[in-house]
Amino acid sequence: MLLDALATVSGLHWDCLCVGSLDRAPAFAEGLRRRARDGGLAGRVRFPGPLTGADLARSYGGADLVVLASRAETYGMVVTEALARGVPVVATEVGGVPEALGHGADGTRPGLLVPPGDPAALGAALRAWLGDAGLRRRLRRAARERRESLARWSTTTSALEAVLAGAAQ
């Protein structure tokens, strides 16, 4: 879906880093790389594999936008990871993604939600992001505000510990 959406904005300035395992489903990963290459996106879409530690931090630090084109998500950890770094998100409206995305202090969402399985809608959201400097400013501000409202890991683990303790009784 992401590659189809990116093909609709090929006339605009962007590049895309697709981070994640290339070994879990190697035939699928190779198919994506081939599709990007054959679709004229070869120099603009890169597949570095999984990133961790400093490499992951550098990737988020250099990102203007995180795109999550999932068909299903129970929570939206990638969304939270992006917002924790103040990076806006374009994502499919599935599972816990809308809740994870939340809103900035003034009620502005720190990203855009699109229907799952709709590359045209994703392409339109990307076109809006790429073509509207005011939208980019608003979403960046909302992402920074949302970062401040995210629960800390210590708070989350304490809440989980309390739930598990109560379930064990």
C-alpha atoms as a PDB file:
ATOM      1  CA  MET A   1       0.000   0.000   0.000  1.00  0.00           C
ATOM      2  CA  LEU A   2       2.818   2.428   0.860  1.00  0.00           C
ATOM      3  CA  LEU A   3       4.615   1.867  -2.439  1.00  0.00           C
ATOM      4  CA  ASP A   4       1.360   2.422  -4.347  1.00  0.00           C
ATOM      5  CA  ALA A   5       0.781   5.648  -2.410  1.00  0.00           C
ATOM      6  CA  LEU A   6       4.358   6.839  -2.974  1.00  0.00           C
ATOM      7  CA  ALA A   7       3.987   6.235  -6.705  1.00  0.00           C
ATOM      8  CA  THR A   8       1.196   8.842  -6.721  1.00  0.00           C
ATOM      9  CA  VAL A   9       3.536  11.517  -5.302  1.00  0.00           C
ATOM     10  CA  SER A  10       6.610  10.677  -7.364  1.00  0.00           C
ATOM     11  CA  GLY A  11       6.681  14.200  -8.830  1.00  0.00           C
ATOM     12  CA  LEU A  12       7.288  15.718  -5.384  1.00  0.00           C
ATOM     13  CA  HIS A  13      10.495  15.866  -3.326  1.00  0.00           C
ATOM     14  CA  TRP A  14      10.751  12.994  -0.785  1.00  0.00           C
ATOM     15  CA  ASP A  15      12.649   9.870   0.127  1.00  0.00           C
ATOM     16  CA  CYS A  16      11.494   6.920   2.194  1.00  0.00           C
ATOM     17  CA  LEU A  17      13.303   4.604   4.582  1.00  0.00           C
ATOM     18  CA  CYS A  18      11.402   1.335   5.188  1.00  0.00           C
ATOM     19  CA  VAL A  19      12.746  -0.004   8.477  1.00  0.00           C
ATOM     20  CA  GLY A  20      12.116  -3.569   9.590  1.00  0.00           C
ATOM     21  CA  SER A  21      13.051  -7.179   9.194  1.00  0.00           C
ATOM     22  CA  LEU A  22      14.008  -8.416   5.752  1.00  0.00           C
ATOM     23  CA  ASP A  23      14.361 -11.986   7.068  1.00  0.00           C
ATOM     24  CA  ARG A  24      10.965 -12.678   8.650  1.00  0.00           C
ATOM     25  CA  ALA A  25       9.259 -12.952   5.243  1.00  0.00           C
ATOM     26  CA  PRO A  26      12.155 -12.796   2.774  1.00  0.00           C
ATOM     27  CA  ALA A  27      10.039 -13.403  -0.343  1.00  0.00           C
ATOM     28  CA  PHE A  28       7.718 -10.552   0.627  1.00  0.00           C
ATOM     29  CA  ALA A  29      10.647  -8.238   1.378  1.00  0.00           C
ATOM     30  CA  GLU A  30      12.300  -9.065  -1.926  1.00  0.00           C
ATOM     31  CA  GLY A  31       9.001  -8.481  -3.715  1.00  0.00           C
ATOM     32  CA  LEU A  32       8.782  -5.003  -2.169  1.00  0.00           C
ATOM     33  CA  ARG A  33      12.340  -4.160  -3.171  1.00  0.00           C
ATOM     34  CA  ARG A  34      11.684  -5.399  -6.714  1.00  0.00           C
ATOM     35  CA  ARG A  35       8.397  -3.478  -6.881  1.00  0.00           C
ATOM     36  CA  ALA A  36      10.114  -0.270  -5.741  1.00  0.00           C
ATOM     37  CA  ARG A  37      12.877  -0.771  -8.295  1.00  0.00           C
ATOM     38  CA  ASP A  38      10.515  -1.656 -11.162  1.00  0.00           C
ATOM     39  CA  GLY A  39       8.104   1.140 -10.230  1.00  0.00           C
ATOM     40  CA  GLY A  40      10.748   3.822 -10.622  1.00  0.00           C
ATOM     41  CA  LEU A  41      11.167   4.396  -6.871  1.00  0.00           C
ATOM     42  CA  ALA A  42      14.550   2.670  -6.539  1.00  0.00           C
ATOM     43  CA  GLY A  43      16.647   5.676  -5.567  1.00  0.00           C
ATOM     44  CA  ARG A  44      13.958   7.073  -3.277  1.00  0.00           C
ATOM     45  CA  VAL A  45      12.872   4.046  -1.232  1.00  0.00           C
ATOM     46  CA  ARG A  46      15.511   2.221   0.809  1.00  0.00           C
ATOM     47  CA  PHE A  47      15.229  -0.964   2.878  1.00  0.00           C
ATOM     48  CA  PRO A  48      18.043  -0.990   5.470  1.00  0.00           C
ATOM     49  CA  GLY A  49      16.538  -3.803   7.561  1.00  0.00           C
ATOM     50  CA  PRO A  50      15.981  -3.471  11.309  1.00  0.00           C
ATOM     51  CA  LEU A  51      17.541  -0.541  13.158  1.00  0.00           C
ATOM     52  CA  THR A  52      18.344  -0.409  16.857  1.00  0.00           C
ATOM     53  CA  GLY A  53      20.166   1.820  19.310  1.00  0.00           C
ATOM     54  CA  ALA A  54      22.051   4.750  17.844  1.00  0.00           C
ATOM     55  CA  ASP A  55      21.090   3.837  14.261  1.00  0.00           C
ATOM     56  CA  LEU A  56      17.389   3.903  15.150  1.00  0.00           C
ATOM     57  CA  ALA A  57      17.810   7.174  17.059  1.00  0.00           C
ATOM     58  CA  ARG A  58      19.571   8.742  14.039  1.00  0.00           C
ATOM     59  CA  SER A  59      16.796   7.519  11.752  1.00  0.00           C
ATOM     60  CA  TYR A  60      14.072   9.083  13.903  1.00  0.00           C
ATOM     61  CA  GLY A  61      16.201  12.217  14.303  1.00  0.00           C
ATOM     62  CA  GLY A  62      16.383  12.623  10.535  1.00  0.00           C
ATOM     63  CA  ALA A  63      12.720  11.808   9.901  1.00  0.00           C
ATOM     64  CA  ASP A  64      10.182  14.459   8.990  1.00  0.00           C
ATOM     65  CA  LEU A  65       7.287  12.020   9.095  1.00  0.00           C
ATOM     66  CA  VAL A  66       6.584   8.416  10.077  1.00  0.00           C
ATOM     67  CA  VAL A  67       4.149   6.470   7.893  1.00  0.00           C
ATOM     68  CA  LEU A  68       2.394   3.378   9.237  1.00  0.00           C
ATOM     69  CA  ALA A  69       0.294   1.708   6.545  1.00  0.00           C
ATOM     70  CA  SER A  70      -0.856  -1.283   8.599  1.00  0.00           C
ATOM     71  CA  ARG A  71      -3.936  -3.380   8.029  1.00  0.00           C
ATOM     72  CA  ALA A  72      -4.132  -4.098  11.762  1.00  0.00           C
ATOM     73  CA  GLU A  73      -2.462  -2.763  14.922  1.00  0.00           C
ATOM     74  CA  THR A  74      -3.474  -3.591  18.454  1.00  0.00           C
ATOM     75  CA  TYR A  75      -1.789  -0.547  19.960  1.00  0.00           C
ATOM     76  CA  GLY A  76       0.406   1.453  17.608  1.00  0.00           C
ATOM     77  CA  MET A  77       3.824   1.287  19.260  1.00  0.00           C
ATOM     78  CA  VAL A  78       5.496   2.791  16.177  1.00  0.00           C
ATOM     79  CA  VAL A  79       3.150   5.770  16.499  1.00  0.00           C
ATOM     80  CA  THR A  80       4.103   6.245  20.143  1.00  0.00           C
ATOM     81  CA  GLU A  81       7.804   5.846  19.330  1.00  0.00           C
ATOM     82  CA  ALA A  82       7.534   8.561  16.674  1.00  0.00           C
ATOM     83  CA  LEU A  83       5.580  10.921  18.926  1.00  0.00           C
ATOM     84  CA  ALA A  84       8.045  10.373  21.774  1.00  0.00           C
ATOM     85  CA  ARG A  85      10.558  11.982  19.418  1.00  0.00           C
ATOM     86  CA  GLY A  86       8.170  14.721  18.268  1.00  0.00           C
ATOM     87  CA  VAL A  87       7.758  13.252  14.769  1.00  0.00           C
ATOM     88  CA  PRO A  88       4.282  13.503  13.161  1.00  0.00           C
ATOM     89  CA  VAL A  89       2.595  10.393  11.787  1.00  0.00           C
ATOM     90  CA  VAL A  90       0.445   9.416   8.816  1.00  0.00           C
ATOM     91  CA  ALA A  91      -1.213   6.101   9.626  1.00  0.00           C
ATOM     92  CA  THR A  92      -4.129   3.875   8.817  1.00  0.00           C
ATOM     93  CA  GLU A  93      -7.076   4.180  11.166  1.00  0.00           C
ATOM     94  CA  VAL A  94      -6.943   0.681  12.648  1.00  0.00           C
ATOM     95  CA  GLY A  95      -6.980  -0.813  16.133  1.00  0.00           C
ATOM     96  CA  GLY A  96      -5.316   1.325  18.765  1.00  0.00           C
ATOM     97  CA  VAL A  97      -3.630   3.702  16.320  1.00  0.00           C
ATOM     98  CA  PRO A  98      -6.102   6.596  16.784  1.00  0.00           C
ATOM     99  CA  GLU A  99      -5.736   6.344  20.570  1.00  0.00           C
ATOM    100  CA  ALA A 100      -1.938   6.156  20.349  1.00  0.00           C
ATOM    101  CA  LEU A 101      -1.897   9.156  18.002  1.00  0.00           C
ATOM    102  CA  GLY A 102      -4.069  11.185  20.352  1.00  0.00           C
ATOM    103  CA  HIS A 103      -4.112  14.980  20.154  1.00  0.00           C
ATOM    104  CA  GLY A 104      -1.866  17.914  20.940  1.00  0.00           C
ATOM    105  CA  ALA A 105      -2.673  20.378  23.735  1.00  0.00           C
ATOM    106  CA  ASP A 106      -4.987  22.410  21.498  1.00  0.00           C
ATOM    107  CA  GLY A 107      -6.819  19.320  20.191  1.00  0.00           C
ATOM    108  CA  THR A 108      -4.870  19.057  16.930  1.00  0.00           C
ATOM    109  CA  ARG A 109      -3.984  15.506  15.939  1.00  0.00           C
ATOM    110  CA  PRO A 110      -0.215  15.102  15.500  1.00  0.00           C
ATOM    111  CA  GLY A 111      -0.778  13.333  12.217  1.00  0.00           C
ATOM    112  CA  LEU A 112      -3.281  12.175   9.657  1.00  0.00           C
ATOM    113  CA  LEU A 113      -5.400   9.017   9.652  1.00  0.00           C
ATOM    114  CA  VAL A 114      -6.490   7.243   6.487  1.00  0.00           C
ATOM    115  CA  PRO A 115      -8.667   4.172   5.875  1.00  0.00           C
ATOM    116  CA  PRO A 116      -6.783   0.856   5.782  1.00  0.00           C
ATOM    117  CA  GLY A 117      -6.149  -0.670   2.373  1.00  0.00           C
ATOM    118  CA  ASP A 118      -6.677   2.621   0.528  1.00  0.00           C
ATOM    119  CA  PRO A 119      -3.478   3.678  -1.260  1.00  0.00           C
ATOM    120  CA  ALA A 120      -5.259   6.632  -2.897  1.00  0.00           C
ATOM    121  CA  ALA A 121      -6.185   8.043   0.530  1.00  0.00           C
ATOM    122  CA  LEU A 122      -2.645   7.451   1.790  1.00  0.00           C
ATOM    123  CA  GLY A 123      -1.270   9.150  -1.324  1.00  0.00           C
ATOM    124  CA  ALA A 124      -3.586  12.130  -0.746  1.00  0.00           C
ATOM    125  CA  ALA A 125      -2.392  12.415   2.873  1.00  0.00           C
ATOM    126  CA  LEU A 126       1.242  12.279   1.739  1.00  0.00           C
ATOM    127  CA  ARG A 127       0.539  14.870  -0.970  1.00  0.00           C
ATOM    128  CA  ALA A 128      -1.047  17.135   1.655  1.00  0.00           C
ATOM    129  CA  TRP A 129       1.973  16.702   3.951  1.00  0.00           C
ATOM    130  CA  LEU A 130       4.475  17.335   1.181  1.00  0.00           C
ATOM    131  CA  GLY A 131       2.620  20.258  -0.369  1.00  0.00           C
ATOM    132  CA  ASP A 132       1.374  22.249   2.608  1.00  0.00           C
ATOM    133  CA  ALA A 133       3.996  23.926   4.808  1.00  0.00           C
ATOM    134  CA  GLY A 134       1.294  25.149   7.204  1.00  0.00           C
ATOM    135  CA  LEU A 135       0.026  21.605   7.715  1.00  0.00           C
ATOM    136  CA  ARG A 136       3.570  20.394   8.386  1.00  0.00           C
ATOM    137  CA  ARG A 137       4.070  23.146  10.997  1.00  0.00           C
ATOM    138  CA  ARG A 138       0.745  22.354  12.733  1.00  0.00           C
ATOM    139  CA  LEU A 139       1.407  18.603  12.841  1.00  0.00           C
ATOM    140  CA  ARG A 140       4.980  19.065  14.067  1.00  0.00           C
ATOM    141  CA  ARG A 141       3.777  21.369  16.846  1.00  0.00           C
ATOM    142  CA  ALA A 142       1.041  18.889  17.806  1.00  0.00           C
ATOM    143  CA  ALA A 143       3.574  16.019  17.807  1.00  0.00           C
ATOM    144  CA  ARG A 144       5.860  17.954  20.171  1.00  0.00           C
ATOM    145  CA  GLU A 145       2.878  18.700  22.421  1.00  0.00           C
ATOM    146  CA  ARG A 146       1.738  15.069  22.320  1.00  0.00           C
ATOM    147  CA  ARG A 147       5.249  13.976  23.297  1.00  0.00           C
ATOM    148  CA  GLU A 148       4.829  15.838  26.572  1.00  0.00           C
ATOM    149  CA  SER A 149       1.539  14.065  27.366  1.00  0.00           C
ATOM    150  CA  LEU A 150       2.768  10.506  26.765  1.00  0.00           C
ATOM    151  CA  ALA A 151       3.014   8.299  29.830  1.00  0.00           C
ATOM    152  CA  ARG A 152       6.566   7.433  30.902  1.00  0.00           C
ATOM    153  CA  TRP A 153       7.624   3.777  30.838  1.00  0.00           C
ATOM    154  CA  SER A 154       7.846   3.785  34.636  1.00  0.00           C
ATOM    155  CA  THR A 155       4.179   4.852  34.842  1.00  0.00           C
ATOM    156  CA  THR A 156       3.131   2.227  32.304  1.00  0.00           C
ATOM    157  CA  THR A 157       5.022  -0.594  34.027  1.00  0.00           C
ATOM    158  CA  SER A 158       3.604   0.408  37.430  1.00  0.00           C
ATOM    159  CA  ALA A 159       0.060   0.293  36.023  1.00  0.00           C
ATOM    160  CA  LEU A 160       0.705  -3.092  34.413  1.00  0.00           C
ATOM    161  CA  GLU A 161       2.218  -4.405  37.642  1.00  0.00           C
ATOM    162  CA  ALA A 162      -0.912  -3.341  39.539  1.00  0.00           C
ATOM    163  CA  VAL A 163      -3.199  -5.049  37.009  1.00  0.00           C
ATOM    164  CA  LEU A 164      -1.183  -8.275  37.142  1.00  0.00           C
ATOM    165  CA  ALA A 165      -1.070  -8.197  40.950  1.00  0.00           C
ATOM    166  CA  GLY A 166      -4.838  -7.788  41.057  1.00  0.00           C
ATOM    167  CA  ALA A 167      -5.352 -10.632  38.571  1.00  0.00           C
ATOM    168  CA  ALA A 168      -3.112 -12.934  40.613  1.00  0.00           C
ATOM    169  CA  GLN A 169      -5.286 -12.588  43.748  1.00  0.00           C
END
